[in-house]
Every structure is written in structure tokens, then in C-alpha cells.
Amino acid sequence: QVQLVESGGGLVQAGGSLRLSCAASGGTFSNYAMGWFRQAPGKEREFVAAINWSGVRRDYVDSVKGRFTISRDNAKNTVYLQMNSLKPEDTAIYYCAAGRLSMASYDYWGQGTQVTVSS
């Protein structure tokens, strides 16, 4: 059983930056693809970014390309989401997830961290 704990959320003005972290425990971190998802009020959860076990493959939703960067440190069992040029529409609860088989399906989820971008 993998446990995931997100941190780094907060309130930031439009154009600002935040870095989210997700610390994993209870499994072999390097065996898992990792992803970030978000859910805004009244909306369904959506995919944001994913990274494969080695960090070589990365994928992003179009709306964050060029602004967000996903990375991982397998020695620290942590995945990061660097978010730059934040917009009010990025406001959401951000969740990290771990997938055993691929970047397309996820087995474990964190509790989420709130990101609020003011205009």
C-alpha cells in the first residue's frame, strides 16, 4: 500500500509561482508512474501532468504546457509540480497519484492540496 502526501499549496497572485511536492511511502517509489490531477469547485477532476518511473517521459494537459513542469527524485521518494505563470483558472485542489502499470492509470491517491490563484 502506497501512501501519498501532498504539500506546497497556498494562495498566490496571478503570474506567481508555486511548487507542489508529493512524498510517497509504503512502496518502491521508482516502480510507479506518478501523476498530478486537479479538481476545481463544481468541476470534474482533470489530468494535469504525468511522469514515468525514470523521469524520461512526461506528459501535460495542453492548458499547462510551458507553464508547469513535473519532475521526480526517486532517491527522495518525491514527485514535484513546478507551477509558473499561474492563472485564476488554475485554482483547484491538486492531487498526486501513483500508477503501477503506466502513466494512464493510477492506483493510489493523495488527499490533495489547495491552490488558489487570485486575480
N, C-alpha and C. Protein backbone atom coordinates (compact mmCIF):
# COMPACT_ATOMS: atom_id res chain seq x y z
N GLN A 1 0.84 -1.18 0.00
CA GLN A 1 0.00 0.00 0.00
C GLN A 1 0.89 1.24 0.00
N VAL A 2 0.66 2.11 -0.96
CA VAL A 2 1.43 3.34 -1.08
C VAL A 2 0.64 4.49 -0.47
N GLN A 3 1.31 5.26 0.36
CA GLN A 3 0.70 6.48 0.91
C GLN A 3 1.34 7.69 0.25
N LEU A 4 0.51 8.66 -0.10
CA LEU A 4 0.96 9.86 -0.79
C LEU A 4 0.50 11.08 -0.01
N VAL A 5 1.42 12.00 0.23
CA VAL A 5 1.09 13.22 0.98
C VAL A 5 1.57 14.43 0.19
N GLU A 6 0.63 15.26 -0.22
CA GLU A 6 0.94 16.47 -0.97
C GLU A 6 1.21 17.64 -0.03
N SER A 7 2.02 18.57 -0.49
CA SER A 7 2.28 19.79 0.23
C SER A 7 2.67 20.88 -0.75
N GLY A 8 2.68 22.12 -0.28
CA GLY A 8 3.14 23.22 -1.11
C GLY A 8 2.04 24.10 -1.68
N GLY A 9 0.80 23.74 -1.44
CA GLY A 9 -0.28 24.58 -1.93
C GLY A 9 -0.39 25.87 -1.14
N GLY A 10 -1.23 26.77 -1.64
CA GLY A 10 -1.41 28.03 -0.95
C GLY A 10 -2.10 29.05 -1.82
N LEU A 11 -2.05 30.29 -1.37
CA LEU A 11 -2.66 31.42 -2.08
C LEU A 11 -1.56 32.21 -2.77
N VAL A 12 -1.74 32.48 -4.04
CA VAL A 12 -0.75 33.23 -4.81
C VAL A 12 -1.47 34.14 -5.79
N GLN A 13 -0.84 35.24 -6.13
CA GLN A 13 -1.42 36.15 -7.12
C GLN A 13 -1.19 35.62 -8.53
N ALA A 14 -2.04 36.03 -9.43
CA ALA A 14 -1.88 35.65 -10.83
C ALA A 14 -0.49 36.07 -11.31
N GLY A 15 0.14 35.18 -12.06
CA GLY A 15 1.50 35.41 -12.53
C GLY A 15 2.56 34.85 -11.61
N GLY A 16 2.17 34.45 -10.42
CA GLY A 16 3.11 33.91 -9.45
C GLY A 16 3.41 32.44 -9.67
N SER A 17 4.18 31.89 -8.74
CA SER A 17 4.63 30.50 -8.84
C SER A 17 4.42 29.76 -7.53
N LEU A 18 4.24 28.46 -7.66
CA LEU A 18 4.21 27.56 -6.52
C LEU A 18 4.88 26.26 -6.94
N ARG A 19 5.44 25.56 -5.97
CA ARG A 19 5.95 24.22 -6.23
C ARG A 19 5.26 23.25 -5.29
N LEU A 20 4.55 22.31 -5.87
CA LEU A 20 3.91 21.26 -5.10
C LEU A 20 4.86 20.08 -4.96
N SER A 21 4.78 19.43 -3.82
CA SER A 21 5.54 18.21 -3.57
C SER A 21 4.58 17.09 -3.18
N CYS A 22 4.97 15.89 -3.49
CA CYS A 22 4.19 14.72 -3.11
C CYS A 22 5.17 13.66 -2.62
N ALA A 23 5.14 13.38 -1.33
CA ALA A 23 6.03 12.40 -0.72
C ALA A 23 5.33 11.05 -0.65
N ALA A 24 6.02 10.02 -1.11
CA ALA A 24 5.46 8.68 -1.14
C ALA A 24 6.12 7.79 -0.10
N SER A 25 5.35 6.88 0.44
CA SER A 25 5.88 5.89 1.36
C SER A 25 5.09 4.59 1.22
N GLY A 26 5.70 3.50 1.68
CA GLY A 26 4.99 2.23 1.69
C GLY A 26 5.17 1.39 0.44
N GLY A 27 5.98 1.82 -0.48
CA GLY A 27 6.20 1.04 -1.68
C GLY A 27 7.53 1.42 -2.30
N THR A 28 7.87 0.77 -3.40
CA THR A 28 9.10 1.10 -4.12
C THR A 28 8.77 2.20 -5.11
N PHE A 29 9.13 3.41 -4.75
CA PHE A 29 8.69 4.60 -5.49
C PHE A 29 9.07 4.52 -6.96
N SER A 30 10.26 4.03 -7.25
CA SER A 30 10.74 4.02 -8.63
C SER A 30 9.98 3.01 -9.50
N ASN A 31 9.13 2.20 -8.91
CA ASN A 31 8.31 1.27 -9.68
C ASN A 31 7.05 1.92 -10.25
N TYR A 32 6.77 3.14 -9.84
CA TYR A 32 5.49 3.76 -10.15
C TYR A 32 5.63 4.95 -11.10
N ALA A 33 4.72 5.02 -12.05
CA ALA A 33 4.48 6.28 -12.74
C ALA A 33 3.74 7.19 -11.77
N MET A 34 3.97 8.48 -11.90
CA MET A 34 3.33 9.45 -11.00
C MET A 34 2.58 10.50 -11.80
N GLY A 35 1.48 10.95 -11.25
CA GLY A 35 0.69 11.95 -11.94
C GLY A 35 0.17 13.02 -10.99
N TRP A 36 -0.16 14.15 -11.57
CA TRP A 36 -0.85 15.21 -10.85
C TRP A 36 -2.20 15.45 -11.53
N PHE A 37 -3.21 15.60 -10.70
CA PHE A 37 -4.55 15.89 -11.16
C PHE A 37 -5.08 17.08 -10.36
N ARG A 38 -6.15 17.69 -10.84
CA ARG A 38 -6.75 18.78 -10.09
C ARG A 38 -8.27 18.75 -10.24
N GLN A 39 -8.92 19.32 -9.24
CA GLN A 39 -10.37 19.43 -9.27
C GLN A 39 -10.78 20.80 -8.77
N ALA A 40 -11.40 21.55 -9.66
CA ALA A 40 -11.91 22.87 -9.30
C ALA A 40 -13.34 22.75 -8.79
N PRO A 41 -13.81 23.73 -8.03
CA PRO A 41 -15.18 23.66 -7.50
C PRO A 41 -16.20 23.49 -8.61
N GLY A 42 -17.07 22.50 -8.45
CA GLY A 42 -18.13 22.27 -9.42
C GLY A 42 -17.69 21.59 -10.70
N LYS A 43 -16.43 21.17 -10.74
CA LYS A 43 -15.93 20.53 -11.96
C LYS A 43 -15.40 19.14 -11.65
N GLU A 44 -15.25 18.35 -12.69
CA GLU A 44 -14.69 17.02 -12.52
C GLU A 44 -13.17 17.11 -12.38
N ARG A 45 -12.62 16.08 -11.76
CA ARG A 45 -11.16 16.03 -11.66
C ARG A 45 -10.55 15.86 -13.04
N GLU A 46 -9.47 16.59 -13.28
CA GLU A 46 -8.82 16.51 -14.58
C GLU A 46 -7.33 16.22 -14.44
N PHE A 47 -6.80 15.57 -15.45
CA PHE A 47 -5.38 15.28 -15.53
C PHE A 47 -4.60 16.58 -15.74
N VAL A 48 -3.46 16.69 -15.07
CA VAL A 48 -2.58 17.85 -15.24
C VAL A 48 -1.25 17.45 -15.86
N ALA A 49 -0.58 16.48 -15.25
CA ALA A 49 0.75 16.10 -15.70
C ALA A 49 1.08 14.70 -15.21
N ALA A 50 1.98 14.03 -15.92
CA ALA A 50 2.42 12.69 -15.53
C ALA A 50 3.88 12.50 -15.89
N ILE A 51 4.51 11.58 -15.17
CA ILE A 51 5.93 11.28 -15.42
C ILE A 51 6.13 9.79 -15.22
N ASN A 52 6.95 9.19 -16.07
CA ASN A 52 7.15 7.76 -15.93
C ASN A 52 8.17 7.48 -14.83
N TRP A 53 8.47 6.20 -14.61
CA TRP A 53 9.27 5.83 -13.45
C TRP A 53 10.67 6.45 -13.48
N SER A 54 11.24 6.60 -14.67
CA SER A 54 12.61 7.11 -14.77
C SER A 54 12.68 8.62 -14.91
N GLY A 55 11.55 9.23 -15.23
CA GLY A 55 11.56 10.66 -15.47
C GLY A 55 11.81 11.06 -16.90
N VAL A 56 12.01 10.09 -17.77
CA VAL A 56 12.31 10.38 -19.16
C VAL A 56 11.05 10.84 -19.91
N ARG A 57 9.93 10.19 -19.62
CA ARG A 57 8.68 10.54 -20.30
C ARG A 57 7.84 11.44 -19.41
N ARG A 58 7.34 12.52 -20.00
CA ARG A 58 6.46 13.44 -19.29
C ARG A 58 5.30 13.82 -20.21
N ASP A 59 4.18 14.07 -19.60
CA ASP A 59 3.01 14.43 -20.38
C ASP A 59 2.25 15.52 -19.62
N TYR A 60 1.62 16.43 -20.37
CA TYR A 60 0.91 17.55 -19.76
C TYR A 60 -0.41 17.79 -20.48
N VAL A 61 -1.38 18.29 -19.75
CA VAL A 61 -2.58 18.78 -20.39
C VAL A 61 -2.22 20.07 -21.11
N ASP A 62 -2.88 20.34 -22.23
CA ASP A 62 -2.50 21.49 -23.06
C ASP A 62 -2.52 22.81 -22.29
N SER A 63 -3.45 22.96 -21.38
CA SER A 63 -3.62 24.24 -20.70
C SER A 63 -2.46 24.61 -19.78
N VAL A 64 -1.58 23.67 -19.45
CA VAL A 64 -0.45 23.98 -18.57
C VAL A 64 0.90 23.85 -19.27
N LYS A 65 0.90 23.42 -20.51
CA LYS A 65 2.18 23.26 -21.22
C LYS A 65 2.91 24.60 -21.30
N GLY A 66 4.21 24.55 -21.00
CA GLY A 66 5.01 25.76 -21.00
C GLY A 66 4.98 26.52 -19.69
N ARG A 67 4.06 26.15 -18.80
CA ARG A 67 3.96 26.82 -17.50
C ARG A 67 4.28 25.89 -16.33
N PHE A 68 3.88 24.63 -16.44
CA PHE A 68 4.08 23.66 -15.37
C PHE A 68 5.16 22.66 -15.77
N THR A 69 5.91 22.19 -14.78
CA THR A 69 6.92 21.16 -15.01
C THR A 69 6.80 20.10 -13.92
N ILE A 70 6.66 18.85 -14.35
CA ILE A 70 6.65 17.73 -13.41
C ILE A 70 8.04 17.12 -13.37
N SER A 71 8.47 16.74 -12.18
CA SER A 71 9.77 16.09 -12.02
C SER A 71 9.69 15.14 -10.83
N ARG A 72 10.69 14.30 -10.71
CA ARG A 72 10.71 13.36 -9.60
C ARG A 72 12.13 13.14 -9.12
N ASP A 73 12.24 12.79 -7.86
CA ASP A 73 13.52 12.44 -7.25
C ASP A 73 13.31 11.07 -6.61
N ASN A 74 13.74 10.03 -7.26
CA ASN A 74 13.50 8.68 -6.76
C ASN A 74 14.27 8.40 -5.47
N ALA A 75 15.37 9.11 -5.26
CA ALA A 75 16.11 8.93 -4.01
C ALA A 75 15.35 9.51 -2.81
N LYS A 76 14.50 10.48 -3.07
CA LYS A 76 13.71 11.11 -2.01
C LYS A 76 12.26 10.66 -2.01
N ASN A 77 11.91 9.76 -2.91
CA ASN A 77 10.53 9.27 -2.99
C ASN A 77 9.53 10.41 -3.15
N THR A 78 9.87 11.36 -3.98
CA THR A 78 9.06 12.57 -4.09
C THR A 78 8.88 12.95 -5.55
N VAL A 79 7.69 13.41 -5.86
CA VAL A 79 7.39 13.98 -7.17
C VAL A 79 6.99 15.44 -6.95
N TYR A 80 7.35 16.28 -7.91
CA TYR A 80 7.13 17.71 -7.79
C TYR A 80 6.30 18.21 -8.97
N LEU A 81 5.63 19.34 -8.73
CA LEU A 81 4.97 20.05 -9.82
C LEU A 81 5.32 21.53 -9.64
N GLN A 82 6.20 22.01 -10.50
CA GLN A 82 6.55 23.42 -10.51
C GLN A 82 5.54 24.15 -11.37
N MET A 83 4.87 25.13 -10.78
CA MET A 83 3.81 25.85 -11.47
C MET A 83 4.19 27.32 -11.57
N ASN A 84 4.39 27.79 -12.78
CA ASN A 84 4.75 29.18 -13.04
C ASN A 84 3.64 29.87 -13.81
N SER A 85 3.68 31.18 -13.82
CA SER A 85 2.69 31.98 -14.55
C SER A 85 1.28 31.53 -14.23
N LEU A 86 1.00 31.40 -12.97
CA LEU A 86 -0.30 30.88 -12.55
C LEU A 86 -1.43 31.82 -12.92
N LYS A 87 -2.56 31.21 -13.23
CA LYS A 87 -3.76 31.93 -13.64
C LYS A 87 -4.89 31.60 -12.67
N PRO A 88 -5.88 32.48 -12.56
CA PRO A 88 -7.02 32.18 -11.68
C PRO A 88 -7.69 30.84 -12.02
N GLU A 89 -7.68 30.47 -13.27
CA GLU A 89 -8.31 29.20 -13.66
C GLU A 89 -7.50 27.98 -13.23
N ASP A 90 -6.32 28.18 -12.68
CA ASP A 90 -5.55 27.07 -12.11
C ASP A 90 -6.01 26.76 -10.67
N THR A 91 -6.89 27.58 -10.14
CA THR A 91 -7.38 27.35 -8.79
C THR A 91 -8.09 26.01 -8.70
N ALA A 92 -7.66 25.18 -7.77
CA ALA A 92 -8.22 23.83 -7.62
C ALA A 92 -7.55 23.14 -6.45
N ILE A 93 -8.09 21.99 -6.11
CA ILE A 93 -7.37 21.07 -5.23
C ILE A 93 -6.51 20.19 -6.14
N TYR A 94 -5.23 20.10 -5.81
CA TYR A 94 -4.30 19.31 -6.61
C TYR A 94 -3.98 18.01 -5.88
N TYR A 95 -4.09 16.92 -6.64
CA TYR A 95 -3.85 15.58 -6.11
C TYR A 95 -2.70 14.92 -6.84
N CYS A 96 -1.88 14.20 -6.11
CA CYS A 96 -0.91 13.35 -6.79
C CYS A 96 -1.40 11.91 -6.74
N ALA A 97 -0.91 11.12 -7.68
CA ALA A 97 -1.35 9.74 -7.82
C ALA A 97 -0.19 8.88 -8.29
N ALA A 98 -0.25 7.61 -7.93
CA ALA A 98 0.79 6.65 -8.31
C ALA A 98 0.17 5.51 -9.10
N GLY A 99 0.82 5.13 -10.19
CA GLY A 99 0.31 4.06 -11.03
C GLY A 99 1.34 2.96 -11.19
N ARG A 100 0.92 1.72 -10.98
CA ARG A 100 1.86 0.60 -11.06
C ARG A 100 2.19 0.22 -12.49
N LEU A 101 1.24 0.41 -13.39
CA LEU A 101 1.42 -0.15 -14.72
C LEU A 101 1.80 0.87 -15.78
N SER A 102 1.26 2.07 -15.68
CA SER A 102 1.53 3.04 -16.74
C SER A 102 1.18 4.44 -16.26
N MET A 103 1.42 5.39 -17.13
CA MET A 103 1.07 6.78 -16.86
C MET A 103 -0.41 7.03 -17.10
N ALA A 104 -1.13 6.03 -17.58
CA ALA A 104 -2.53 6.21 -17.95
C ALA A 104 -3.52 5.73 -16.90
N SER A 105 -3.05 4.99 -15.90
CA SER A 105 -3.97 4.52 -14.87
C SER A 105 -3.29 4.60 -13.51
N TYR A 106 -4.06 4.92 -12.48
CA TYR A 106 -3.49 5.19 -11.18
C TYR A 106 -4.20 4.39 -10.09
N ASP A 107 -3.39 3.91 -9.15
CA ASP A 107 -3.89 3.01 -8.12
C ASP A 107 -3.98 3.66 -6.75
N TYR A 108 -3.17 4.66 -6.51
CA TYR A 108 -3.12 5.30 -5.19
C TYR A 108 -3.20 6.81 -5.37
N TRP A 109 -3.90 7.43 -4.41
CA TRP A 109 -4.13 8.87 -4.48
C TRP A 109 -3.82 9.52 -3.13
N GLY A 110 -3.34 10.77 -3.22
CA GLY A 110 -3.17 11.55 -2.01
C GLY A 110 -4.45 12.27 -1.64
N GLN A 111 -4.38 13.02 -0.55
CA GLN A 111 -5.55 13.74 -0.04
C GLN A 111 -5.76 15.09 -0.70
N GLY A 112 -4.74 15.59 -1.35
CA GLY A 112 -4.87 16.85 -2.07
C GLY A 112 -4.34 18.05 -1.31
N THR A 113 -3.98 19.07 -2.07
CA THR A 113 -3.54 20.34 -1.50
C THR A 113 -4.19 21.47 -2.30
N GLN A 114 -4.67 22.48 -1.59
CA GLN A 114 -5.42 23.56 -2.23
C GLN A 114 -4.47 24.58 -2.85
N VAL A 115 -4.74 24.93 -4.08
CA VAL A 115 -4.05 26.02 -4.75
C VAL A 115 -5.09 27.07 -5.14
N THR A 116 -4.87 28.29 -4.69
CA THR A 116 -5.79 29.38 -5.01
C THR A 116 -5.00 30.51 -5.65
N VAL A 117 -5.42 30.91 -6.84
CA VAL A 117 -4.76 31.97 -7.58
C VAL A 117 -5.71 33.16 -7.66
N SER A 118 -5.30 34.27 -7.10
CA SER A 118 -6.14 35.46 -7.10
C SER A 118 -5.81 36.35 -8.29
N SER A 119 -6.82 37.04 -8.77
CA SER A 119 -6.62 37.90 -9.95
C SER A 119 -6.24 39.32 -9.54
